[in-house]
Protein backbone atom coordinates (compact mmCIF):
# COMPACT_ATOMS: atom_id res chain seq x y z
CA MET A 1 -45.82 -186.03 -42.69
CA ILE A 2 -44.97 -189.27 -44.48
CA ASN A 3 -43.46 -189.04 -47.96
CA HIS A 4 -44.95 -191.78 -50.12
CA GLN A 5 -43.09 -192.94 -53.23
CA VAL A 6 -45.56 -193.45 -56.06
CA ARG A 7 -44.63 -195.21 -59.32
CA THR A 8 -46.06 -197.53 -61.92
CA HIS A 9 -46.20 -201.24 -61.07
CA ARG A 10 -46.56 -204.03 -63.64
CA SER A 11 -49.70 -206.11 -63.27
CA ALA A 12 -47.57 -209.17 -62.47
CA GLU A 13 -45.85 -207.43 -59.55
CA ASP A 14 -46.79 -208.11 -55.96
CA PHE A 15 -48.33 -204.76 -55.05
CA PRO A 16 -50.87 -205.13 -52.22
CA TYR A 17 -53.70 -202.65 -52.32
CA GLU A 18 -52.75 -201.30 -48.89
CA GLU A 19 -49.70 -199.82 -50.64
CA HIS A 20 -51.75 -198.02 -53.30
CA LEU A 21 -51.78 -194.22 -53.07
CA ALA A 22 -55.59 -194.27 -53.14
CA TYR A 23 -55.56 -196.46 -50.02
CA LYS A 24 -53.14 -194.13 -48.24
CA VAL A 25 -55.38 -191.19 -49.15
CA ALA A 26 -58.34 -193.13 -47.76
CA GLN A 27 -56.48 -193.77 -44.50
CA VAL A 28 -55.96 -190.02 -44.07
CA ALA A 29 -59.65 -189.39 -44.77
CA ALA A 30 -60.76 -192.03 -42.25
CA ASP A 31 -58.45 -190.75 -39.49
CA PRO A 32 -60.68 -189.30 -36.70
CA VAL A 33 -58.03 -186.76 -35.66
CA GLU A 34 -59.40 -183.45 -34.35
CA VAL A 35 -59.29 -180.39 -36.58
CA PRO A 36 -56.94 -177.65 -35.21
CA ALA A 37 -58.54 -174.35 -34.24
CA GLU A 38 -56.52 -172.40 -36.82
CA THR A 39 -57.65 -174.78 -39.55
CA THR A 40 -61.26 -174.26 -38.50
CA GLU A 41 -60.82 -170.48 -38.58
CA MET A 42 -59.41 -170.60 -42.10
CA ILE A 43 -62.21 -172.90 -43.26
CA ILE A 44 -64.71 -170.28 -42.10
CA ASN A 45 -62.74 -167.62 -43.98
CA ARG A 46 -62.89 -169.66 -47.17
CA ILE A 47 -66.61 -170.37 -46.84
CA ILE A 48 -67.12 -166.60 -46.67
CA ASP A 49 -64.70 -166.11 -49.58
CA ASN A 50 -66.51 -168.67 -51.73
CA ALA A 51 -69.87 -167.09 -51.00
CA ALA A 52 -68.51 -163.66 -51.90
CA VAL A 53 -67.34 -164.65 -55.36
CA ALA A 54 -70.37 -166.89 -55.94
CA VAL A 55 -72.97 -164.19 -55.34
CA ALA A 56 -71.03 -161.81 -57.58
CA SER A 57 -71.32 -164.31 -60.44
CA VAL A 58 -74.88 -165.59 -59.93
CA VAL A 59 -76.40 -163.60 -62.79
CA ARG A 60 -73.63 -164.34 -65.29
CA ARG A 61 -74.61 -166.63 -68.16
CA PRO A 62 -72.51 -169.74 -67.33
CA VAL A 63 -73.71 -169.68 -63.73
CA THR A 64 -77.29 -169.06 -64.81
CA SER A 65 -77.10 -172.09 -67.09
CA ALA A 66 -75.69 -174.27 -64.30
CA ARG A 67 -78.38 -173.02 -61.93
CA ALA A 68 -81.09 -173.86 -64.48
CA MET A 69 -79.77 -177.42 -64.66
CA ALA A 70 -79.92 -177.71 -60.87
CA GLN A 71 -83.42 -176.24 -60.81
CA ALA A 72 -84.48 -179.01 -63.18
CA HIS A 73 -83.65 -181.49 -60.37
CA PRO A 74 -85.70 -180.34 -57.35
CA VAL A 75 -86.24 -182.66 -54.39
CA GLU A 76 -88.98 -182.69 -51.77
CA LYS A 77 -86.90 -184.22 -49.00
CA GLN A 78 -83.38 -183.28 -47.98
CA GLY A 79 -81.39 -182.03 -50.99
CA ALA A 80 -79.01 -179.08 -51.14
CA THR A 81 -79.32 -175.35 -51.68
CA VAL A 82 -78.19 -173.31 -54.68
CA PHE A 83 -76.57 -169.89 -54.38
CA GLY A 84 -78.92 -167.01 -55.02
CA ILE A 85 -82.28 -168.77 -54.76
CA ASP A 86 -84.61 -170.64 -52.42
CA GLY A 87 -85.41 -174.34 -52.73
CA HIS A 88 -83.68 -177.70 -52.39
CA PHE A 89 -82.17 -179.63 -55.25
CA SER A 90 -80.39 -182.88 -55.95
CA ALA A 91 -77.01 -182.64 -54.22
CA GLU A 92 -74.83 -183.42 -57.25
CA TRP A 93 -76.60 -180.80 -59.39
CA ALA A 94 -76.45 -178.23 -56.61
CA ALA A 95 -72.72 -178.95 -56.40
CA LEU A 96 -72.40 -178.29 -60.13
CA ALA A 97 -74.30 -175.00 -59.92
CA ASN A 98 -72.48 -173.74 -56.84
CA GLY A 99 -69.08 -174.93 -58.02
CA THR A 100 -69.56 -173.03 -61.27
CA ALA A 101 -70.61 -169.91 -59.37
CA VAL A 102 -67.54 -170.09 -57.14
CA ARG A 103 -65.15 -170.61 -60.04
CA GLU A 104 -66.64 -168.29 -62.66
CA LEU A 105 -64.80 -165.10 -61.73
CA ASP A 106 -61.45 -166.80 -60.94
CA PHE A 107 -61.53 -164.96 -57.63
CA HIS A 108 -61.20 -167.53 -54.81
CA ASP A 109 -58.31 -169.33 -53.19
CA THR A 110 -55.27 -170.93 -54.76
CA PHE A 111 -52.38 -173.24 -54.00
CA LEU A 112 -49.34 -173.57 -56.27
CA ALA A 113 -46.53 -176.10 -55.99
CA ALA A 114 -45.59 -178.88 -58.42
CA ASP A 115 -49.05 -178.31 -59.90
CA TYR A 116 -51.83 -175.74 -59.61
CA SER A 117 -55.12 -175.79 -57.76
CA HIS A 118 -58.04 -173.85 -56.38
CA PRO A 119 -58.71 -175.92 -53.25
CA GLY A 120 -61.81 -173.88 -52.40
CA ASP A 121 -63.40 -175.94 -55.20
CA ASN A 122 -63.76 -178.68 -52.57
CA ILE A 123 -66.29 -176.69 -50.58
CA PRO A 124 -69.37 -176.66 -52.91
CA PRO A 125 -69.64 -180.46 -53.36
CA LEU A 126 -68.83 -181.15 -49.71
CA LEU A 127 -71.40 -178.60 -48.53
CA ALA A 128 -74.01 -180.02 -50.92
CA VAL A 129 -73.55 -183.54 -49.55
CA ALA A 130 -73.53 -182.27 -45.96
CA GLN A 131 -76.79 -180.39 -46.53
CA HIS A 132 -78.40 -183.39 -48.22
CA LYS A 133 -77.41 -185.71 -45.37
CA GLY A 134 -78.42 -183.25 -42.63
CA LEU A 135 -74.91 -183.02 -41.18
CA ASP A 136 -73.75 -180.29 -38.81
CA GLY A 137 -71.05 -177.65 -38.99
CA LYS A 138 -68.40 -179.60 -37.12
CA THR A 139 -68.79 -182.51 -39.53
CA LEU A 140 -68.53 -180.18 -42.51
CA ILE A 141 -65.35 -178.72 -41.05
CA ARG A 142 -63.82 -182.20 -40.84
CA GLY A 143 -64.72 -182.92 -44.46
CA ILE A 144 -63.34 -179.63 -45.76
CA ALA A 145 -60.12 -180.11 -43.77
CA THR A 146 -59.67 -183.48 -45.49
CA GLY A 147 -60.48 -182.10 -48.95
CA TYR A 148 -57.86 -179.38 -48.62
CA GLU A 149 -55.33 -181.79 -47.11
CA ILE A 150 -55.56 -184.28 -49.96
CA GLN A 151 -55.67 -181.77 -52.80
CA VAL A 152 -52.81 -179.63 -51.47
CA ASN A 153 -50.56 -182.66 -50.94
CA LEU A 154 -51.34 -184.14 -54.35
CA VAL A 155 -50.46 -180.73 -55.82
CA LYS A 156 -47.18 -180.77 -53.89
CA GLY A 157 -46.25 -184.20 -55.20
CA ILE A 158 -47.68 -184.77 -58.69
CA CYS A 159 -47.34 -182.34 -61.60
CA LEU A 160 -50.22 -182.68 -64.06
CA HIS A 161 -49.75 -179.61 -66.22
CA GLU A 162 -46.35 -180.80 -67.48
CA PHE A 163 -48.29 -183.45 -69.40
CA LYS A 164 -51.23 -181.19 -70.26
CA ILE A 165 -53.64 -182.81 -67.80
CA ASP A 166 -56.02 -180.37 -66.12
CA HIS A 167 -55.51 -179.79 -62.42
CA VAL A 168 -59.05 -180.91 -61.56
CA ALA A 169 -57.65 -184.47 -61.67
CA HIS A 170 -56.44 -183.75 -58.13
CA LEU A 171 -59.86 -182.39 -57.13
CA GLY A 172 -61.98 -185.48 -57.79
CA PRO A 173 -59.99 -187.61 -55.31
CA SER A 174 -59.90 -184.84 -52.68
CA VAL A 175 -63.67 -184.34 -52.80
CA ALA A 176 -64.27 -188.09 -52.58
CA ALA A 177 -61.94 -188.25 -49.58
CA GLY A 178 -63.70 -185.32 -47.91
CA ILE A 179 -67.10 -186.93 -48.38
CA GLY A 180 -65.69 -190.14 -46.90
CA THR A 181 -64.60 -188.19 -43.83
CA MET A 182 -67.99 -186.55 -43.36
CA LEU A 183 -69.93 -189.79 -43.76
CA ASP A 184 -67.54 -191.82 -41.59
CA LEU A 185 -66.98 -194.32 -44.40
CA ASP A 186 -64.44 -197.08 -43.88
CA VAL A 187 -61.03 -197.05 -45.53
CA ASP A 188 -61.94 -199.62 -48.19
CA MET A 189 -65.01 -197.69 -49.33
CA ILE A 190 -63.11 -194.40 -49.48
CA TYR A 191 -60.33 -196.17 -51.41
CA GLN A 192 -62.80 -197.28 -54.09
CA SER A 193 -64.40 -193.81 -54.18
CA VAL A 194 -61.05 -192.06 -54.65
CA GLY A 195 -60.19 -194.38 -57.54
CA GLN A 196 -63.50 -193.82 -59.29
CA ALA A 197 -63.35 -190.08 -58.75
CA LEU A 198 -59.89 -189.86 -60.29
CA HIS A 199 -60.82 -192.07 -63.24
CA THR A 200 -63.82 -189.91 -64.11
CA THR A 201 -62.17 -186.49 -63.71
CA THR A 202 -59.03 -186.64 -65.84
CA ALA A 203 -59.07 -184.30 -68.84
CA THR A 204 -56.63 -182.25 -70.91
CA ARG A 205 -55.67 -178.65 -70.17
CA GLN A 206 -57.26 -177.33 -73.36
CA SER A 207 -59.88 -175.77 -71.09
CA ARG A 208 -57.15 -173.25 -70.16
CA LYS A 209 -55.49 -172.85 -73.55
CA GLY A 210 -56.22 -170.75 -76.63
CA LEU A 211 -59.75 -169.37 -76.74
CA ILE A 212 -60.82 -170.12 -73.17
CA SER A 213 -64.54 -170.76 -72.78
CA SER A 214 -66.97 -170.96 -69.89
CA TRP A 215 -65.96 -174.60 -69.40
CA LYS A 216 -63.05 -173.31 -67.31
CA ALA A 217 -65.63 -172.51 -64.61
CA TYR A 218 -67.54 -175.74 -65.10
CA ALA A 219 -64.52 -178.09 -65.04
CA PRO A 220 -63.95 -178.14 -61.25
CA ALA A 221 -67.70 -178.09 -60.59
CA PHE A 222 -68.07 -181.12 -62.85
CA ALA A 223 -65.25 -182.86 -60.98
CA GLY A 224 -67.09 -182.26 -57.70
CA LYS A 225 -70.29 -183.65 -59.19
CA MET A 226 -68.44 -186.73 -60.45
CA ALA A 227 -66.89 -187.29 -57.02
CA ILE A 228 -70.32 -187.25 -55.35
CA GLU A 229 -71.61 -189.80 -57.84
CA ALA A 230 -68.49 -191.94 -57.39
CA VAL A 231 -68.98 -192.12 -53.62
CA ASP A 232 -72.66 -192.92 -54.08
CA ARG A 233 -71.83 -195.86 -56.37
CA CYS A 234 -69.15 -197.18 -54.05
CA MET A 235 -71.48 -196.97 -51.06
CA ARG A 236 -73.78 -199.25 -53.06
CA GLY A 237 -70.99 -201.80 -53.43
CA GLU A 238 -69.37 -200.81 -56.73
CA GLY A 239 -65.61 -200.63 -57.21
CA ALA A 240 -62.97 -198.68 -59.08
CA PRO A 241 -60.07 -199.34 -61.46
CA ALA A 242 -57.03 -200.24 -59.40
CA PRO A 243 -54.33 -199.33 -58.86
CA ILE A 244 -55.59 -196.08 -60.35
CA TRP A 245 -52.36 -194.08 -60.14
CA GLU A 246 -49.79 -196.89 -60.23
CA GLY A 247 -51.37 -199.42 -62.60
CA GLU A 248 -49.63 -200.64 -65.73
CA ASP A 249 -52.26 -198.77 -67.73
CA GLY A 250 -52.87 -196.20 -64.99
CA VAL A 251 -52.60 -192.44 -64.69
CA ILE A 252 -48.83 -192.22 -64.17
CA ALA A 253 -47.95 -194.65 -66.95
CA TRP A 254 -50.05 -193.11 -69.71
CA MET A 255 -51.35 -189.70 -68.68
CA LEU A 256 -48.26 -188.40 -66.92
CA HIS A 257 -44.57 -188.93 -67.56
CA SER A 258 -44.17 -192.65 -68.18
CA PRO A 259 -43.87 -195.92 -66.25
CA ASP A 260 -40.35 -194.76 -65.32
CA ARG A 261 -41.35 -191.72 -63.23
CA THR A 262 -41.54 -191.83 -59.42
CA TYR A 263 -43.49 -189.16 -57.58
CA THR A 264 -43.26 -188.25 -53.91
CA VAL A 265 -46.58 -187.42 -52.27
CA PRO A 266 -46.58 -186.19 -48.65
CA LEU A 267 -49.55 -187.17 -46.48
CA PRO A 268 -50.21 -186.76 -42.75
CA ALA A 269 -49.21 -189.62 -40.49
CA PRO A 270 -51.94 -191.29 -38.40
CA GLY A 271 -53.09 -188.86 -35.74
CA GLU A 272 -51.41 -185.87 -37.41
CA PRO A 273 -53.70 -182.82 -37.65
CA LYS A 274 -54.84 -181.58 -41.05
CA ARG A 275 -53.31 -178.15 -41.59
CA ALA A 276 -52.87 -177.91 -45.38
CA ILE A 277 -55.46 -175.16 -45.78
CA LEU A 278 -53.04 -172.86 -43.94
CA ASP A 279 -50.61 -173.19 -46.86
CA THR A 280 -53.18 -171.78 -49.31
CA TYR A 281 -53.98 -168.16 -50.16
CA THR A 282 -56.91 -166.24 -51.57
CA LYS A 283 -57.16 -163.47 -54.14
CA GLU A 284 -57.69 -159.77 -53.71
CA HIS A 285 -58.15 -159.38 -57.46
CA SER A 286 -60.37 -161.29 -59.88
CA ALA A 287 -57.63 -162.76 -62.06
CA GLU A 288 -55.44 -165.84 -62.40
CA TYR A 289 -53.20 -166.13 -59.32
CA GLN A 290 -49.94 -165.35 -61.13
CA SER A 291 -51.56 -162.00 -61.94
CA GLN A 292 -52.05 -161.02 -58.29
CA ALA A 293 -48.54 -159.74 -57.55
CA PRO A 294 -48.14 -158.15 -61.03
CA ILE A 295 -51.40 -156.23 -60.51
CA ASP A 296 -50.08 -154.89 -57.22
CA LEU A 297 -46.75 -154.17 -58.90
CA ALA A 298 -48.45 -152.30 -61.75
CA ARG A 299 -50.41 -150.19 -59.28
CA ARG A 300 -47.19 -149.31 -57.47
CA MET A 301 -45.34 -148.54 -60.70
CA ARG A 302 -48.17 -146.29 -61.82
CA GLN A 303 -47.41 -144.09 -58.82
CA THR A 304 -43.72 -144.17 -59.73
CA LEU A 305 -44.56 -143.00 -63.25
CA ILE A 306 -46.74 -140.20 -61.91
CA ARG A 307 -44.01 -138.99 -59.56
CA ALA A 308 -41.52 -139.07 -62.45
CA GLY A 309 -43.88 -137.13 -64.70
CA ARG A 310 -44.10 -140.05 -67.11
CA SER A 311 -47.09 -141.18 -69.16
CA THR A 312 -47.94 -144.66 -70.38
CA THR A 313 -48.12 -143.21 -73.90
CA ASP A 314 -44.35 -142.64 -73.70
CA ILE A 315 -43.62 -146.33 -73.12
CA ALA A 316 -41.71 -148.21 -75.82
CA SER A 317 -41.81 -151.65 -74.20
CA ILE A 318 -42.51 -153.52 -70.97
CA VAL A 319 -40.82 -156.83 -70.23
CA LEU A 320 -42.00 -158.95 -67.32
CA HIS A 321 -39.27 -161.27 -66.06
CA THR A 322 -41.09 -164.07 -64.31
CA SER A 323 -41.54 -167.78 -63.67
CA HIS A 324 -41.94 -170.60 -66.17
CA HIS A 325 -45.62 -170.90 -65.32
CA THR A 326 -46.44 -167.22 -65.73
CA HIS A 327 -44.51 -167.00 -68.99
CA TYR A 328 -45.87 -170.16 -70.61
CA VAL A 329 -49.43 -170.20 -69.26
CA ILE A 330 -50.54 -166.56 -69.10
CA GLY A 331 -47.62 -164.82 -70.81
CA THR A 332 -46.27 -164.51 -74.34
CA GLY A 333 -44.61 -167.91 -73.97
CA ALA A 334 -48.05 -169.48 -74.40
CA ASN A 335 -47.99 -168.36 -78.05
CA ASP A 336 -51.73 -167.73 -77.87
CA PRO A 337 -52.71 -164.88 -80.20
CA GLN A 338 -56.01 -164.72 -78.31
CA LYS A 339 -54.13 -163.32 -75.32
CA MET A 340 -53.47 -160.17 -77.35
CA ASP A 341 -56.98 -159.90 -78.85
CA PRO A 342 -59.26 -157.12 -77.52
CA THR A 343 -62.32 -159.12 -78.62
CA ALA A 344 -61.27 -162.20 -76.64
CA SER A 345 -63.50 -163.73 -73.96
CA ARG A 346 -63.29 -162.66 -70.33
CA GLU A 347 -61.84 -166.08 -69.52
CA THR A 348 -59.05 -165.49 -72.04
CA LEU A 349 -58.28 -161.96 -70.81
CA ASP A 350 -58.13 -163.36 -67.28
CA HIS A 351 -55.27 -165.54 -68.52
CA SER A 352 -53.34 -162.76 -70.29
CA ILE A 353 -50.81 -161.11 -68.01
CA MET A 354 -50.06 -158.65 -70.83
CA TYR A 355 -53.64 -157.35 -70.81
CA ILE A 356 -53.89 -157.38 -67.03
CA PHE A 357 -50.64 -155.48 -66.47
CA ALA A 358 -51.59 -152.87 -69.07
CA VAL A 359 -54.98 -152.15 -67.52
CA ALA A 360 -53.66 -152.13 -63.95
CA LEU A 361 -50.85 -149.76 -64.97
CA GLU A 362 -53.30 -147.39 -66.67
CA ASP A 363 -56.06 -147.51 -64.06
CA GLY A 364 -54.15 -148.10 -60.83
CA THR A 365 -56.92 -150.47 -59.73
CA TRP A 366 -58.65 -153.73 -60.64
CA HIS A 367 -62.35 -154.54 -60.79
CA HIS A 368 -63.94 -157.94 -61.33
CA VAL A 369 -66.36 -156.56 -63.94
CA ASP A 370 -65.16 -153.19 -65.21
CA SER A 371 -61.57 -154.29 -65.89
CA TYR A 372 -62.83 -156.99 -68.31
CA SER A 373 -65.60 -155.13 -70.11
CA PRO A 374 -65.42 -155.10 -73.94
CA GLU A 375 -65.25 -151.31 -73.82
CA ARG A 376 -62.28 -151.45 -71.46
CA ALA A 377 -60.47 -154.13 -73.45
CA GLY A 378 -61.04 -152.31 -76.72
CA ARG A 379 -59.74 -148.89 -75.68
CA PRO A 380 -57.20 -147.95 -78.38
CA GLU A 381 -54.51 -146.66 -76.02
CA THR A 382 -54.86 -149.80 -73.92
CA VAL A 383 -54.49 -152.06 -76.95
CA GLU A 384 -51.39 -150.12 -77.99
CA LEU A 385 -49.80 -150.48 -74.53
CA TRP A 386 -50.91 -154.10 -74.19
CA HIS A 387 -49.11 -155.04 -77.39
CA LYS A 388 -45.87 -153.54 -76.10
CA ILE A 389 -45.78 -156.00 -73.19
CA SER A 390 -43.97 -159.34 -73.27
CA THR A 391 -42.80 -161.92 -70.77
CA VAL A 392 -39.60 -163.92 -70.42
CA GLU A 393 -38.80 -166.79 -68.11
CA ASP A 394 -36.26 -165.94 -65.45
CA PRO A 395 -34.70 -169.08 -63.89
CA GLU A 396 -34.54 -167.41 -60.50
CA TRP A 397 -38.28 -166.65 -60.49
CA THR A 398 -38.93 -170.25 -61.59
CA ARG A 399 -36.74 -171.55 -58.78
CA ARG A 400 -38.54 -169.41 -56.24
CA TYR A 401 -41.92 -170.49 -57.62
CA HIS A 402 -41.05 -174.14 -56.91
CA SER A 403 -39.19 -173.54 -53.65
CA THR A 404 -40.47 -175.43 -50.61
CA ASP A 405 -39.06 -172.74 -48.32
CA PRO A 406 -41.89 -170.32 -47.43
CA ALA A 407 -39.36 -167.52 -47.10
CA GLU A 408 -38.31 -167.97 -50.74
CA LYS A 409 -41.46 -169.15 -52.48
CA ALA A 410 -42.75 -166.40 -54.77
CA PHE A 411 -45.24 -165.85 -57.58
CA GLY A 412 -44.24 -162.44 -58.79
CA ALA A 413 -42.20 -160.69 -61.46
CA ARG A 414 -39.69 -157.97 -62.24
CA ALA A 415 -41.04 -155.35 -64.62
CA VAL A 416 -38.69 -153.40 -66.88
CA ILE A 417 -40.37 -150.38 -68.49
CA THR A 418 -38.40 -148.75 -71.30
CA PHE A 419 -39.49 -145.35 -72.60
CA THR A 420 -39.17 -143.99 -76.11
CA ASP A 421 -36.34 -141.71 -74.98
CA GLY A 422 -34.36 -144.70 -73.66
CA ALA A 423 -35.07 -144.13 -69.97
CA VAL A 424 -35.82 -147.23 -67.91
CA ILE A 425 -37.86 -147.78 -64.73
CA GLU A 426 -37.70 -151.16 -62.99
CA ASP A 427 -39.44 -152.67 -60.00
CA GLU A 428 -40.31 -156.13 -58.73
CA LEU A 429 -42.75 -157.77 -56.34
CA ALA A 430 -42.48 -161.36 -55.14
CA LEU A 431 -45.84 -161.81 -53.43
CA ALA A 432 -49.27 -160.27 -53.76
CA ASP A 433 -50.15 -157.79 -51.04
CA ALA A 434 -52.93 -160.12 -49.79
CA HIS A 435 -50.67 -163.19 -49.54
CA PRO A 436 -50.07 -164.44 -45.96
CA ASP A 437 -46.49 -163.13 -46.25
CA GLY A 438 -47.42 -160.09 -48.33
CA ALA A 439 -47.72 -156.43 -47.43
CA ARG A 440 -51.39 -156.70 -46.33
CA PRO A 441 -52.23 -160.33 -45.50
CA PHE A 442 -55.93 -161.21 -45.65
CA THR A 443 -57.55 -161.73 -42.26
CA ARG A 444 -61.19 -162.28 -41.25
CA PRO A 445 -62.17 -158.59 -41.67
CA ASP A 446 -60.74 -158.67 -45.22
CA TYR A 447 -62.82 -161.72 -46.12
CA ILE A 448 -65.92 -160.07 -44.70
CA ARG A 449 -65.17 -156.83 -46.55
CA LYS A 450 -64.71 -158.78 -49.80
CA PHE A 451 -68.08 -160.47 -49.23
CA ARG A 452 -69.89 -157.22 -48.49
CA THR A 453 -68.27 -155.45 -51.45
CA LEU A 454 -69.29 -158.16 -53.91
CA ALA A 455 -72.75 -158.55 -52.38
CA GLU A 456 -73.46 -154.81 -52.43
CA GLY A 457 -76.66 -154.05 -54.33
CA ILE A 458 -77.54 -157.68 -55.01
CA VAL A 459 -77.92 -159.13 -51.50
CA ASP A 460 -79.97 -157.34 -48.85
CA LYS A 461 -78.00 -156.08 -45.86
CA GLN A 462 -80.11 -158.25 -43.54
CA GLU A 463 -79.34 -161.33 -45.63
CA GLN A 464 -75.64 -160.45 -45.63
CA ASP A 465 -75.67 -160.18 -41.85
CA ARG A 466 -77.57 -163.45 -41.45
CA PHE A 467 -75.13 -165.39 -43.65
CA LEU A 468 -72.02 -163.96 -42.00
CA ALA A 469 -73.35 -164.77 -38.54
CA ALA A 470 -74.07 -168.36 -39.64
CA ALA A 471 -70.65 -168.78 -41.21
CA GLU A 472 -68.79 -167.43 -38.20
CA ASN A 473 -70.83 -169.78 -35.99
CA LEU A 474 -69.98 -172.80 -38.15
CA GLU A 475 -68.72 -174.97 -35.31
CA ASN A 476 -72.12 -174.75 -33.61
CA LEU A 477 -74.27 -174.71 -36.74
CA THR A 478 -76.85 -177.48 -36.94
CA ASP A 479 -78.65 -176.36 -40.12
CA LEU A 480 -76.18 -176.00 -42.97
CA ASN A 481 -78.88 -174.57 -45.21
CA GLU A 482 -78.06 -171.31 -43.42
CA LEU A 483 -74.85 -171.13 -45.50
CA ASN A 484 -76.83 -170.34 -48.63
CA VAL A 485 -77.01 -166.68 -49.73
CA ARG A 486 -80.11 -165.37 -51.51
CA LEU A 487 -79.99 -162.51 -54.00
CA THR A 488 -82.73 -159.90 -54.25
CA GLN A 489 -85.42 -160.57 -56.82
CA ASP A 490 -84.34 -157.44 -58.71
CA ALA A 491 -80.79 -158.81 -58.96
CA LEU A 492 -81.98 -162.25 -60.09
CA ALA A 493 -84.16 -160.62 -62.73
CA THR A 494 -81.02 -159.35 -64.47
CA ALA A 495 -79.82 -162.89 -65.20
CA PRO A 496 -79.86 -163.67 -68.92
CA ALA A 497 -82.46 -165.99 -70.41
CA THR A 498 -80.90 -169.32 -71.32
CA PRO A 499 -82.03 -171.72 -74.05
CA GLU A 500 -83.85 -174.83 -72.93
CA GLY A 501 -81.73 -177.96 -72.54
CA ILE A 502 -82.54 -181.62 -72.10
CA PHE A 503 -83.75 -181.31 -68.51
């Protein structure tokens, strides 16, 4: 890996475009290096993972709305498929629909470092373009490997959330780079595409603050759509603002820290294989990633309570000692009253570790639908327990969260449960059970089981088998339309009616 120093440059400085970060990203995308076998295997896992969470969300309202927009843009030749249905649609609108479906349940892969990300968000727009252009599985693999590589390394080097910029600002450039790889574009064209994609996908983090709406699912899908359009424009000869990161009025100078900040972004050297996807991890539970280990911890502590003859009704308080991110984004440090509101949206409850820990402690399980239902959230004893839970930042958990040492890096918490009689039970968990270094790391059978579980009752068994066979044969696949998954007509009929829009 090469560590690139990235800082603001005055317009009058001599700063050749070959030194711009966007150009270095483009060089990585244009590198014809072979994709390692283990990277390919993980890409297949994540295609299965994305499909699993997408089919589970197809009949939800936000996804139904996005699908309706795509259906308003059918094409007779080429085009891309949309999860759940037959037909071919304009690639950028298919990317929006499928990206929203993948993101809706907050149930696919994650990577956390200086910033946050869901790098599986690269797959829907890259697959849509690959389908539209009639590319094969090997080419798609190369594009996805690039998308993950660029997003993961931007996340390692540049913190967006510190300045309240949404993490999809790292996604636009990674998708543009991945498309450049698949289409064998030259370095200059990818450079322009990366710049445009970044410029059109920067937004504030309000989508993840306060009363969180369905836009949280749309935001990465929209970034993928914008990246496709950016590449299309640049292929037609259009350019981008430059230098996009380092300019005097660029992203670093005015959207991030200041012209004084220098960032270090690692990128593969020429000829170095793309392996960043292997640093990422998926979710066993449908909840924000910092909730994964606490859910497993709550399930374990429930058994401890049972063995001790204790009831949750006897609890006086629960304090979760955790990282800066967990405390300030999904904990009481966020100071969001909505995170304690039983009438809050599913998206808000998904970002309330207090709610999540309470339900997991009471139920000993987690379900992507049942655990968020209004009836479940409004249960009086749950609300009472929920409001006894708080979080505090522990510097050691924050240090481990940001550690670059895989043996130390952790996303967990220490829970201290105090009972009304003064007794205390404590336990901690650093990593989710499904994490690569956790108690039960996810492997191919786990991804397949997740897909079959979420597809149960809404996707015919024969269709499940067909999709899984196509996905596992990705390296030899010549028709990428086979990666679509169709729901039964009975399942599609349960989708809500949506008001008519412009299209």
